[in-house]
């Protein structure tokens, strides 16, 4: 699940990530053939390409899949994610995501999702997950769905944004410096330490 975006500047970091994404797609197609389906824009000519997928149909497709792989990301910044990861985890599927700095502070690797750092790690993880579905795996996936509904729904993120806006307005009225506390991290992540990264550049 990824798009092949156009990048004209060969010196842009996006250009390097685009090349890595293409290499990833070729490796998945070589390894899994017809079992591999590629969704997104810009992949004309790839035999595994199924075309773009309407946004509202993502969760349904994820539920029908044995394993879902997030395409090589378009950046390597701290916490780099899109909304696709949240949709996939809430759908209850086995989901692989490329590691970017600090994303393991949001979801637990091996429990909520599976992280890989290169194509070989990706293939090894997929092979392991395709090897069989156990009751323990199904229970783990259902626990992840429950966790998402309790902490990471659109309701939770919108409520948090509204609270942050209200707190910021109140702090300005009192002429106080405001540094918010974000709620999206795992409960064991110490906010006193994490805020140095999560609020980097905060004014």
N, C-alpha and C. Protein backbone atom coordinates (compact mmCIF):
# COMPACT_ATOMS: atom_id res chain seq x y z
N UNK A 1 0.85 -1.17 0.00
CA UNK A 1 0.00 0.00 0.00
C UNK A 1 0.89 1.23 0.00
N UNK A 2 1.08 1.83 -1.19
CA UNK A 2 1.98 2.99 -1.30
C UNK A 2 1.81 3.60 -2.68
N UNK A 3 2.10 4.87 -2.79
CA UNK A 3 2.06 5.53 -4.09
C UNK A 3 3.47 5.81 -4.58
N UNK A 4 3.62 5.86 -5.89
CA UNK A 4 4.90 6.18 -6.51
C UNK A 4 4.84 7.65 -6.92
N UNK A 5 5.16 8.51 -5.99
CA UNK A 5 5.01 9.95 -6.20
C UNK A 5 6.11 10.48 -7.11
N UNK A 6 5.79 11.56 -7.82
CA UNK A 6 6.75 12.18 -8.72
C UNK A 6 7.69 13.10 -7.95
N UNK A 7 8.97 12.94 -8.19
CA UNK A 7 9.98 13.81 -7.58
C UNK A 7 10.92 14.26 -8.69
N UNK A 8 10.99 15.54 -8.95
CA UNK A 8 11.81 16.06 -10.04
C UNK A 8 13.23 16.38 -9.61
N UNK A 9 13.41 16.70 -8.35
CA UNK A 9 14.73 17.11 -7.87
C UNK A 9 15.52 15.88 -7.41
N UNK A 10 16.56 15.46 -8.15
CA UNK A 10 17.32 14.27 -7.76
C UNK A 10 18.14 14.45 -6.49
N UNK A 11 18.26 15.68 -6.01
CA UNK A 11 19.02 15.94 -4.79
C UNK A 11 18.12 16.01 -3.56
N UNK A 12 16.82 15.86 -3.77
CA UNK A 12 15.87 15.89 -2.66
C UNK A 12 15.91 14.57 -1.89
N UNK A 13 15.69 14.64 -0.58
CA UNK A 13 15.62 13.41 0.20
C UNK A 13 14.44 12.55 -0.26
N UNK A 14 13.40 13.19 -0.81
CA UNK A 14 12.26 12.43 -1.32
C UNK A 14 12.65 11.54 -2.50
N UNK A 15 13.63 12.01 -3.28
CA UNK A 15 14.08 11.23 -4.44
C UNK A 15 14.74 9.93 -3.97
N UNK A 16 15.54 10.02 -2.92
CA UNK A 16 16.20 8.82 -2.38
C UNK A 16 15.17 7.84 -1.82
N UNK A 17 14.18 8.36 -1.13
CA UNK A 17 13.14 7.50 -0.57
C UNK A 17 12.31 6.86 -1.68
N UNK A 18 12.07 7.59 -2.74
CA UNK A 18 11.32 7.05 -3.88
C UNK A 18 12.06 5.84 -4.47
N UNK A 19 13.37 5.94 -4.64
CA UNK A 19 14.16 4.84 -5.19
C UNK A 19 14.09 3.62 -4.27
N UNK A 20 14.16 3.85 -2.96
CA UNK A 20 14.07 2.74 -2.01
C UNK A 20 12.69 2.08 -2.07
N UNK A 21 11.65 2.87 -2.26
CA UNK A 21 10.31 2.33 -2.37
C UNK A 21 10.17 1.46 -3.62
N UNK A 22 10.75 1.89 -4.73
CA UNK A 22 10.70 1.10 -5.97
C UNK A 22 11.45 -0.22 -5.79
N UNK A 23 12.61 -0.17 -5.14
CA UNK A 23 13.36 -1.39 -4.87
C UNK A 23 12.55 -2.35 -4.01
N UNK A 24 11.84 -1.81 -3.03
CA UNK A 24 11.01 -2.62 -2.16
C UNK A 24 9.91 -3.33 -2.94
N UNK A 25 9.23 -2.59 -3.82
CA UNK A 25 8.15 -3.16 -4.61
C UNK A 25 8.68 -4.28 -5.50
N UNK A 26 9.83 -4.06 -6.14
CA UNK A 26 10.41 -5.09 -7.00
C UNK A 26 10.76 -6.35 -6.22
N UNK A 27 11.26 -6.18 -5.00
CA UNK A 27 11.61 -7.33 -4.18
C UNK A 27 10.36 -8.10 -3.76
N UNK A 28 9.31 -7.40 -3.39
CA UNK A 28 8.07 -8.06 -3.01
C UNK A 28 7.45 -8.80 -4.19
N UNK A 29 7.49 -8.18 -5.35
CA UNK A 29 6.94 -8.82 -6.55
C UNK A 29 7.75 -10.07 -6.94
N UNK A 30 9.07 -9.95 -6.82
CA UNK A 30 9.93 -11.10 -7.15
C UNK A 30 9.68 -12.26 -6.20
N UNK A 31 9.51 -11.96 -4.93
CA UNK A 31 9.38 -12.99 -3.92
C UNK A 31 8.00 -13.65 -3.91
N UNK A 32 6.94 -12.86 -4.06
CA UNK A 32 5.59 -13.38 -3.83
C UNK A 32 4.72 -13.46 -5.08
N UNK A 33 5.16 -12.90 -6.20
CA UNK A 33 4.44 -13.04 -7.45
C UNK A 33 2.98 -12.65 -7.36
N UNK A 34 2.09 -13.56 -7.78
CA UNK A 34 0.67 -13.25 -7.81
C UNK A 34 0.04 -13.12 -6.43
N UNK A 35 0.74 -13.57 -5.41
CA UNK A 35 0.20 -13.42 -4.06
C UNK A 35 0.34 -11.98 -3.56
N UNK A 36 1.15 -11.20 -4.25
CA UNK A 36 1.41 -9.82 -3.84
C UNK A 36 0.55 -8.86 -4.65
N UNK A 37 -0.16 -7.98 -3.96
CA UNK A 37 -1.00 -6.97 -4.61
C UNK A 37 -0.52 -5.58 -4.17
N UNK A 38 -0.33 -4.72 -5.15
CA UNK A 38 0.17 -3.36 -4.91
C UNK A 38 -0.94 -2.36 -5.18
N UNK A 39 -1.21 -1.51 -4.20
CA UNK A 39 -2.24 -0.48 -4.34
C UNK A 39 -1.60 0.90 -4.17
N UNK A 40 -2.09 1.86 -4.94
CA UNK A 40 -1.57 3.21 -4.87
C UNK A 40 -1.55 3.84 -6.26
N UNK A 41 -1.00 5.03 -6.34
CA UNK A 41 -0.94 5.73 -7.62
C UNK A 41 0.47 5.67 -8.21
N UNK A 42 0.54 5.68 -9.55
CA UNK A 42 1.81 5.85 -10.23
C UNK A 42 2.61 4.59 -10.49
N UNK A 43 1.99 3.41 -10.40
CA UNK A 43 2.74 2.17 -10.58
C UNK A 43 2.45 1.50 -11.92
N UNK A 44 2.08 2.27 -12.91
CA UNK A 44 1.82 1.69 -14.23
C UNK A 44 3.03 0.88 -14.71
N UNK A 45 2.75 -0.29 -15.25
CA UNK A 45 3.82 -1.14 -15.75
C UNK A 45 4.26 -2.22 -14.78
N UNK A 46 3.91 -2.11 -13.51
CA UNK A 46 4.23 -3.15 -12.53
C UNK A 46 3.13 -4.21 -12.57
N UNK A 47 3.46 -5.49 -12.78
CA UNK A 47 2.43 -6.52 -12.92
C UNK A 47 1.59 -6.72 -11.67
N UNK A 48 2.13 -6.35 -10.51
CA UNK A 48 1.41 -6.55 -9.25
C UNK A 48 0.45 -5.42 -8.93
N UNK A 49 0.44 -4.36 -9.73
CA UNK A 49 -0.34 -3.16 -9.43
C UNK A 49 -1.83 -3.38 -9.65
N UNK A 50 -2.63 -3.02 -8.64
CA UNK A 50 -4.08 -3.15 -8.70
C UNK A 50 -4.78 -1.80 -8.81
N UNK A 51 -4.02 -0.74 -8.95
CA UNK A 51 -4.60 0.58 -9.09
C UNK A 51 -4.75 1.28 -7.75
N UNK A 52 -5.16 2.54 -7.78
CA UNK A 52 -5.40 3.27 -6.53
C UNK A 52 -6.61 2.70 -5.80
N UNK A 53 -6.60 2.82 -4.49
CA UNK A 53 -7.69 2.31 -3.67
C UNK A 53 -8.40 3.47 -3.00
N UNK A 54 -9.73 3.57 -3.14
CA UNK A 54 -10.46 4.64 -2.45
C UNK A 54 -10.19 4.61 -0.95
N UNK A 55 -10.03 5.80 -0.39
CA UNK A 55 -9.65 5.92 1.02
C UNK A 55 -10.57 5.11 1.93
N UNK A 56 -11.86 5.20 1.70
CA UNK A 56 -12.83 4.56 2.59
C UNK A 56 -12.80 3.03 2.51
N UNK A 57 -12.12 2.48 1.49
CA UNK A 57 -12.08 1.02 1.32
C UNK A 57 -10.83 0.38 1.90
N UNK A 58 -9.95 1.18 2.46
CA UNK A 58 -8.69 0.63 2.98
C UNK A 58 -8.91 -0.42 4.06
N UNK A 59 -9.71 -0.10 5.05
CA UNK A 59 -9.90 -1.02 6.18
C UNK A 59 -10.47 -2.35 5.71
N UNK A 60 -11.42 -2.32 4.78
CA UNK A 60 -12.02 -3.55 4.27
C UNK A 60 -10.98 -4.41 3.57
N UNK A 61 -10.13 -3.78 2.76
CA UNK A 61 -9.08 -4.53 2.08
C UNK A 61 -8.09 -5.12 3.08
N UNK A 62 -7.73 -4.35 4.10
CA UNK A 62 -6.79 -4.83 5.10
C UNK A 62 -7.32 -6.08 5.80
N UNK A 63 -8.61 -6.11 6.08
CA UNK A 63 -9.20 -7.25 6.78
C UNK A 63 -9.17 -8.51 5.92
N UNK A 64 -9.12 -8.36 4.60
CA UNK A 64 -9.09 -9.51 3.70
C UNK A 64 -7.67 -10.02 3.45
N UNK A 65 -6.67 -9.31 3.93
CA UNK A 65 -5.28 -9.62 3.61
C UNK A 65 -4.62 -10.42 4.72
N UNK A 66 -3.73 -11.32 4.35
CA UNK A 66 -2.96 -12.06 5.34
C UNK A 66 -1.95 -11.16 6.03
N UNK A 67 -1.24 -10.36 5.22
CA UNK A 67 -0.22 -9.44 5.73
C UNK A 67 -0.31 -8.14 4.93
N UNK A 68 -0.22 -7.03 5.62
CA UNK A 68 -0.22 -5.72 4.97
C UNK A 68 1.14 -5.07 5.21
N UNK A 69 1.73 -4.54 4.14
CA UNK A 69 3.04 -3.90 4.25
C UNK A 69 2.90 -2.42 3.92
N UNK A 70 3.35 -1.58 4.83
CA UNK A 70 3.41 -0.16 4.56
C UNK A 70 4.61 0.12 3.68
N UNK A 71 4.42 0.87 2.61
CA UNK A 71 5.52 1.17 1.70
C UNK A 71 6.62 1.96 2.37
N UNK A 72 7.83 1.85 1.83
CA UNK A 72 8.95 2.62 2.35
C UNK A 72 8.52 4.07 2.49
N UNK A 73 8.70 4.66 3.67
CA UNK A 73 8.14 6.00 3.94
C UNK A 73 8.82 7.10 3.14
N UNK A 74 8.16 8.22 3.07
CA UNK A 74 8.69 9.37 2.34
C UNK A 74 9.58 10.25 3.16
N UNK A 75 9.92 9.83 4.37
CA UNK A 75 10.80 10.62 5.22
C UNK A 75 11.33 9.78 6.37
N UNK A 76 12.33 10.29 7.05
CA UNK A 76 12.92 9.56 8.17
C UNK A 76 12.97 10.43 9.42
N UNK A 77 12.02 11.35 9.54
CA UNK A 77 11.95 12.21 10.71
C UNK A 77 11.42 11.42 11.91
N UNK A 78 11.64 11.94 13.11
CA UNK A 78 11.08 11.31 14.30
C UNK A 78 9.57 11.16 14.16
N UNK A 79 9.06 9.98 14.52
CA UNK A 79 7.62 9.67 14.56
C UNK A 79 6.96 9.71 13.17
N UNK A 80 7.71 9.58 12.10
CA UNK A 80 7.13 9.71 10.76
C UNK A 80 6.12 8.60 10.50
N UNK A 81 4.85 8.99 10.41
CA UNK A 81 3.77 8.06 10.11
C UNK A 81 2.71 8.79 9.29
N UNK A 82 1.86 8.02 8.62
CA UNK A 82 0.68 8.59 8.01
C UNK A 82 -0.53 8.07 8.80
N UNK A 83 -1.73 8.29 8.30
CA UNK A 83 -2.90 7.73 8.99
C UNK A 83 -3.11 6.26 8.61
N UNK A 84 -2.40 5.78 7.59
CA UNK A 84 -2.60 4.40 7.13
C UNK A 84 -2.25 3.39 8.22
N UNK A 85 -1.23 3.67 8.99
CA UNK A 85 -0.84 2.75 10.06
C UNK A 85 -1.98 2.59 11.06
N UNK A 86 -2.63 3.68 11.41
CA UNK A 86 -3.72 3.64 12.38
C UNK A 86 -4.92 2.89 11.81
N UNK A 87 -5.20 3.08 10.52
CA UNK A 87 -6.30 2.37 9.87
C UNK A 87 -6.03 0.87 9.86
N UNK A 88 -4.80 0.49 9.51
CA UNK A 88 -4.45 -0.92 9.42
C UNK A 88 -4.52 -1.61 10.78
N UNK A 89 -3.98 -0.98 11.81
CA UNK A 89 -3.99 -1.60 13.13
C UNK A 89 -5.41 -1.72 13.68
N UNK A 90 -6.24 -0.73 13.40
CA UNK A 90 -7.63 -0.79 13.85
C UNK A 90 -8.43 -1.83 13.08
N UNK A 91 -7.93 -2.22 11.89
CA UNK A 91 -8.62 -3.24 11.08
C UNK A 91 -8.31 -4.65 11.56
N UNK A 92 -7.30 -4.81 12.41
CA UNK A 92 -7.00 -6.13 12.95
C UNK A 92 -6.19 -7.02 12.05
N UNK A 93 -5.28 -6.44 11.26
CA UNK A 93 -4.46 -7.24 10.35
C UNK A 93 -3.00 -7.23 10.82
N UNK A 94 -2.25 -8.22 10.32
CA UNK A 94 -0.81 -8.22 10.56
C UNK A 94 -0.21 -7.11 9.70
N UNK A 95 0.45 -6.17 10.34
CA UNK A 95 0.91 -4.98 9.63
C UNK A 95 2.40 -4.77 9.84
N UNK A 96 3.12 -4.58 8.72
CA UNK A 96 4.55 -4.30 8.74
C UNK A 96 4.79 -2.85 8.38
N UNK A 97 5.68 -2.21 9.11
CA UNK A 97 6.00 -0.81 8.84
C UNK A 97 7.52 -0.64 8.88
N UNK A 98 8.03 0.18 7.98
CA UNK A 98 9.45 0.50 7.97
C UNK A 98 9.78 1.34 9.20
N UNK A 99 10.85 0.99 9.89
CA UNK A 99 11.23 1.71 11.10
C UNK A 99 11.70 3.12 10.78
N UNK A 100 11.14 4.07 11.49
CA UNK A 100 11.67 5.43 11.52
C UNK A 100 11.85 5.79 12.98
N UNK A 101 12.71 6.76 13.29
CA UNK A 101 13.07 7.03 14.68
C UNK A 101 11.86 7.27 15.58
N UNK A 102 11.84 6.53 16.70
CA UNK A 102 10.94 6.75 17.82
C UNK A 102 9.51 6.27 17.58
N UNK A 103 9.20 5.63 16.46
CA UNK A 103 7.82 5.17 16.29
C UNK A 103 7.48 4.01 17.21
N UNK A 104 8.50 3.33 17.74
CA UNK A 104 8.21 2.25 18.69
C UNK A 104 7.73 2.79 20.03
N UNK A 105 7.74 4.11 20.20
CA UNK A 105 7.15 4.72 21.40
C UNK A 105 5.64 4.86 21.27
N UNK A 106 5.11 4.62 20.08
CA UNK A 106 3.66 4.77 19.85
C UNK A 106 2.97 3.42 19.88
N UNK A 107 3.56 2.42 19.20
CA UNK A 107 3.03 1.05 19.21
C UNK A 107 4.17 0.08 19.47
N UNK A 108 3.85 -1.05 20.13
CA UNK A 108 4.88 -2.02 20.49
C UNK A 108 5.19 -2.96 19.33
N UNK A 109 6.46 -3.02 18.92
CA UNK A 109 6.86 -3.99 17.89
C UNK A 109 6.64 -5.42 18.38
N UNK A 110 6.12 -6.27 17.48
CA UNK A 110 5.88 -7.66 17.84
C UNK A 110 4.55 -7.88 18.53
N UNK A 111 3.93 -6.82 18.99
CA UNK A 111 2.63 -6.92 19.63
C UNK A 111 1.56 -6.21 18.80
N UNK A 112 1.75 -4.93 18.60
CA UNK A 112 0.79 -4.17 17.80
C UNK A 112 1.11 -4.24 16.30
N UNK A 113 2.40 -4.20 15.98
CA UNK A 113 2.83 -4.22 14.58
C UNK A 113 4.22 -4.82 14.50
N UNK A 114 4.76 -4.88 13.27
CA UNK A 114 6.08 -5.46 13.04
C UNK A 114 6.91 -4.43 12.28
N UNK A 115 8.10 -4.14 12.79
CA UNK A 115 8.95 -3.13 12.17
C UNK A 115 10.13 -3.78 11.46
N UNK A 116 10.48 -3.25 10.30
CA UNK A 116 11.64 -3.74 9.55
C UNK A 116 12.51 -2.57 9.13
N UNK A 117 13.81 -2.83 8.96
CA UNK A 117 14.76 -1.77 8.62
C UNK A 117 15.36 -1.93 7.23
N UNK A 118 15.11 -3.05 6.60
CA UNK A 118 15.61 -3.27 5.24
C UNK A 118 14.74 -4.33 4.58
N UNK A 119 14.95 -4.55 3.29
CA UNK A 119 14.09 -5.48 2.55
C UNK A 119 14.22 -6.92 3.02
N UNK A 120 15.41 -7.32 3.46
CA UNK A 120 15.56 -8.70 3.92
C UNK A 120 14.78 -8.93 5.21
N UNK A 121 14.85 -7.98 6.12
CA UNK A 121 14.05 -8.10 7.35
C UNK A 121 12.57 -8.14 7.02
N UNK A 122 12.16 -7.34 6.05
CA UNK A 122 10.76 -7.33 5.62
C UNK A 122 10.33 -8.72 5.12
N UNK A 123 11.13 -9.31 4.22
CA UNK A 123 10.80 -10.62 3.66
C UNK A 123 10.76 -11.68 4.75
N UNK A 124 11.73 -11.66 5.66
CA UNK A 124 11.77 -12.64 6.75
C UNK A 124 10.52 -12.55 7.62
N UNK A 125 10.09 -11.33 7.93
CA UNK A 125 8.90 -11.14 8.74
C UNK A 125 7.65 -11.63 8.02
N UNK A 126 7.54 -11.29 6.73
CA UNK A 126 6.36 -11.72 5.96
C UNK A 126 6.30 -13.24 5.90
N UNK A 127 7.43 -13.88 5.60
CA UNK A 127 7.45 -15.34 5.53
C UNK A 127 7.00 -15.96 6.85
N UNK A 128 7.47 -15.40 7.94
CA UNK A 128 7.10 -15.92 9.26
C UNK A 128 5.61 -15.78 9.51
N UNK A 129 5.06 -14.62 9.14
CA UNK A 129 3.63 -14.37 9.38
C UNK A 129 2.75 -15.21 8.45
N UNK A 130 3.22 -15.46 7.25
CA UNK A 130 2.46 -16.28 6.31
C UNK A 130 2.54 -17.77 6.64
N UNK A 131 3.49 -18.13 7.49
CA UNK A 131 3.72 -19.54 7.81
C UNK A 131 2.55 -20.16 8.53
N UNK A 132 1.77 -19.36 9.20
CA UNK A 132 0.61 -19.92 9.89
C UNK A 132 -0.08 -18.90 10.77
N UNK A 133 -1.34 -19.13 11.00
CA UNK A 133 -2.13 -18.27 11.87
C UNK A 133 -2.52 -19.06 13.11
N UNK A 134 -2.10 -18.63 14.26
CA UNK A 134 -2.39 -19.33 15.50
C UNK A 134 -3.45 -18.59 16.30
N UNK A 135 -4.03 -19.26 17.26
CA UNK A 135 -5.02 -18.63 18.12
C UNK A 135 -4.40 -17.46 18.88
N UNK A 136 -3.13 -17.64 19.29
CA UNK A 136 -2.46 -16.58 20.03
C UNK A 136 -2.30 -15.33 19.15
N UNK A 137 -1.99 -15.53 17.86
CA UNK A 137 -1.87 -14.40 16.96
C UNK A 137 -3.20 -13.68 16.80
N UNK A 138 -4.29 -14.44 16.65
CA UNK A 138 -5.61 -13.83 16.52
C UNK A 138 -6.00 -13.06 17.77
N UNK A 139 -5.67 -13.61 18.92
CA UNK A 139 -5.97 -12.90 20.16
C UNK A 139 -5.16 -11.61 20.26
N UNK A 140 -3.91 -11.66 19.81
CA UNK A 140 -3.06 -10.47 19.82
C UNK A 140 -3.62 -9.39 18.90
N UNK A 141 -4.08 -9.80 17.71
CA UNK A 141 -4.64 -8.84 16.77
C UNK A 141 -5.91 -8.21 17.32
N UNK A 142 -6.75 -9.00 17.95
CA UNK A 142 -7.98 -8.47 18.52
C UNK A 142 -7.68 -7.52 19.69
N UNK A 143 -6.63 -7.83 20.45
CA UNK A 143 -6.23 -6.93 21.54
C UNK A 143 -5.73 -5.61 20.98
N UNK A 144 -5.07 -5.65 19.81
CA UNK A 144 -4.60 -4.42 19.16
C UNK A 144 -5.78 -3.58 18.70
N UNK A 145 -6.81 -4.22 18.13
CA UNK A 145 -8.01 -3.50 17.72
C UNK A 145 -8.64 -2.80 18.93
N UNK A 146 -8.73 -3.51 20.03
CA UNK A 146 -9.30 -2.95 21.25
C UNK A 146 -8.46 -1.76 21.73
N UNK A 147 -7.15 -1.90 21.69
CA UNK A 147 -6.25 -0.82 22.10
C UNK A 147 -6.45 0.41 21.21
N UNK A 148 -6.59 0.19 19.91
CA UNK A 148 -6.79 1.30 18.99
C UNK A 148 -8.09 2.03 19.28
N UNK A 149 -9.14 1.28 19.55
CA UNK A 149 -10.45 1.88 19.82
C UNK A 149 -10.45 2.66 21.13
N UNK A 150 -9.62 2.23 22.06
CA UNK A 150 -9.58 2.88 23.37
C UNK A 150 -8.65 4.08 23.43
N UNK A 151 -7.71 4.19 22.44
CA UNK A 151 -6.69 5.22 22.56
C UNK A 151 -6.39 5.98 21.27
N UNK A 152 -6.65 5.38 20.11
CA UNK A 152 -6.15 5.96 18.85
C UNK A 152 -7.23 6.13 17.78
N UNK A 153 -8.45 6.34 18.16
CA UNK A 153 -9.48 6.60 17.16
C UNK A 153 -9.43 8.07 16.74
N UNK A 154 -10.16 8.42 15.68
CA UNK A 154 -10.25 9.82 15.28
C UNK A 154 -10.79 10.68 16.42
N UNK A 155 -11.71 10.09 17.19
CA UNK A 155 -12.27 10.81 18.34
C UNK A 155 -11.17 11.23 19.31
N UNK A 156 -10.26 10.32 19.61
CA UNK A 156 -9.20 10.63 20.58
C UNK A 156 -8.28 11.73 20.07
N UNK A 157 -7.91 11.65 18.79
CA UNK A 157 -7.00 12.67 18.25
C UNK A 157 -7.68 14.03 18.15
N UNK A 158 -8.93 14.05 17.73
CA UNK A 158 -9.64 15.33 17.64
C UNK A 158 -9.86 15.93 19.02
N UNK A 159 -10.22 15.10 19.99
CA UNK A 159 -10.41 15.58 21.36
C UNK A 159 -9.11 16.15 21.91
N UNK A 160 -8.00 15.47 21.62
CA UNK A 160 -6.70 15.95 22.09
C UNK A 160 -6.34 17.30 21.47
N UNK A 161 -6.60 17.45 20.16
CA UNK A 161 -6.30 18.72 19.51
C UNK A 161 -7.13 19.86 20.09
N UNK A 162 -8.39 19.60 20.37
CA UNK A 162 -9.24 20.63 20.96
C UNK A 162 -8.75 21.01 22.36
N UNK A 163 -8.35 20.00 23.14
CA UNK A 163 -7.84 20.27 24.49
C UNK A 163 -6.55 21.09 24.42
N UNK A 164 -5.67 20.75 23.48
CA UNK A 164 -4.43 21.49 23.34
C UNK A 164 -4.70 22.95 22.97
N UNK A 165 -5.67 23.16 22.07
CA UNK A 165 -6.01 24.53 21.67
C UNK A 165 -6.58 25.31 22.85
N UNK A 166 -7.43 24.69 23.64
CA UNK A 166 -8.01 25.36 24.80
C UNK A 166 -6.94 25.69 25.85
N UNK A 167 -6.06 24.72 26.10
CA UNK A 167 -5.00 24.95 27.09
C UNK A 167 -4.05 26.05 26.62
N UNK A 168 -3.74 26.06 25.32
CA UNK A 168 -2.85 27.08 24.79
C UNK A 168 -3.48 28.47 24.91
N UNK A 169 -4.77 28.57 24.60
CA UNK A 169 -5.45 29.86 24.71
C UNK A 169 -5.48 30.34 26.17
N UNK A 170 -5.72 29.41 27.07
CA UNK A 170 -5.74 29.77 28.49
C UNK A 170 -4.37 30.24 28.96
N UNK A 171 -3.32 29.53 28.52
CA UNK A 171 -1.97 29.92 28.93
C UNK A 171 -1.59 31.30 28.38
N UNK A 172 -1.98 31.58 27.15
CA UNK A 172 -1.70 32.90 26.58
C UNK A 172 -2.41 33.99 27.36
N UNK A 173 -3.65 33.70 27.78
CA UNK A 173 -4.40 34.68 28.56
C UNK A 173 -3.73 34.99 29.89
N UNK A 174 -3.08 33.98 30.44
CA UNK A 174 -2.37 34.15 31.72
C UNK A 174 -0.91 34.54 31.53
N UNK A 175 -0.51 34.72 30.26
CA UNK A 175 0.87 35.07 29.90
C UNK A 175 1.86 34.03 30.44
N UNK A 176 1.47 32.77 30.31
CA UNK A 176 2.30 31.65 30.76
C UNK A 176 2.86 30.91 29.56
N UNK A 177 4.06 30.34 29.72
CA UNK A 177 4.63 29.51 28.66
C UNK A 177 3.91 28.17 28.66
N UNK A 178 3.52 27.70 27.49
CA UNK A 178 2.73 26.47 27.40
C UNK A 178 3.50 25.39 26.65
N UNK A 179 3.66 24.24 27.31
CA UNK A 179 4.25 23.06 26.67
C UNK A 179 3.29 21.90 26.92
N UNK A 180 2.60 21.45 25.89
CA UNK A 180 1.55 20.44 26.07
C UNK A 180 2.10 19.07 26.41
N UNK A 181 1.23 18.22 26.91
CA UNK A 181 1.56 16.81 27.13
C UNK A 181 0.74 15.99 26.14
N UNK A 182 1.40 15.26 25.26
CA UNK A 182 0.72 14.49 24.23
C UNK A 182 0.34 13.10 24.76
N UNK A 183 -0.82 12.62 24.32
CA UNK A 183 -1.39 11.39 24.88
C UNK A 183 -1.22 10.16 24.00
N UNK A 184 -0.58 10.29 22.84
CA UNK A 184 -0.57 9.18 21.89
C UNK A 184 0.47 8.11 22.19
N UNK A 185 1.36 8.34 23.15
CA UNK A 185 2.45 7.40 23.38
C UNK A 185 2.00 6.21 24.25
N UNK A 186 2.79 5.15 24.19
CA UNK A 186 2.54 3.99 25.03
C UNK A 186 2.59 4.39 26.50
N UNK A 187 1.81 3.73 27.35
CA UNK A 187 1.75 4.14 28.76
C UNK A 187 3.09 4.04 29.50
N UNK A 188 3.98 3.16 29.03
CA UNK A 188 5.27 3.01 29.71
C UNK A 188 6.31 4.03 29.26
N UNK A 189 5.98 4.86 28.27
CA UNK A 189 6.93 5.86 27.78
C UNK A 189 6.92 7.06 28.72
N UNK A 190 8.06 7.39 29.34
CA UNK A 190 8.10 8.53 30.28
C UNK A 190 8.03 9.87 29.55
N UNK A 191 6.96 10.61 29.79
CA UNK A 191 6.77 11.87 29.09
C UNK A 191 7.87 12.88 29.43
N UNK A 192 8.39 12.84 30.64
CA UNK A 192 9.44 13.78 31.04
C UNK A 192 10.65 13.67 30.13
N UNK A 193 10.93 12.47 29.62
CA UNK A 193 12.04 12.27 28.69
C UNK A 193 11.60 12.45 27.24
N UNK A 194 10.42 11.94 26.91
CA UNK A 194 9.98 11.94 25.51
C UNK A 194 9.66 13.33 24.99
N UNK A 195 9.26 14.22 25.87
CA UNK A 195 8.87 15.56 25.42
C UNK A 195 10.03 16.32 24.79
N UNK A 196 11.26 15.94 25.13
CA UNK A 196 12.41 16.60 24.52
C UNK A 196 12.46 16.33 23.01
N UNK A 197 11.85 15.23 22.59
CA UNK A 197 11.80 14.88 21.17
C UNK A 197 10.45 15.27 20.56
N UNK A 198 9.38 14.98 21.28
CA UNK A 198 8.04 15.20 20.75
C UNK A 198 7.72 16.69 20.59
N UNK A 199 8.32 17.52 21.42
CA UNK A 199 8.05 18.96 21.37
C UNK A 199 9.25 19.74 20.84
N UNK A 200 10.09 19.06 20.09
CA UNK A 200 11.27 19.73 19.53
C UNK A 200 10.84 20.90 18.65
N UNK A 201 11.40 22.05 18.89
CA UNK A 201 11.06 23.22 18.11
C UNK A 201 9.81 23.93 18.58
N UNK A 202 9.20 23.44 19.68
CA UNK A 202 7.99 24.07 20.19
C UNK A 202 8.31 25.47 20.74
N UNK A 203 7.52 26.44 20.36
CA UNK A 203 7.75 27.81 20.82
C UNK A 203 6.79 28.10 21.97
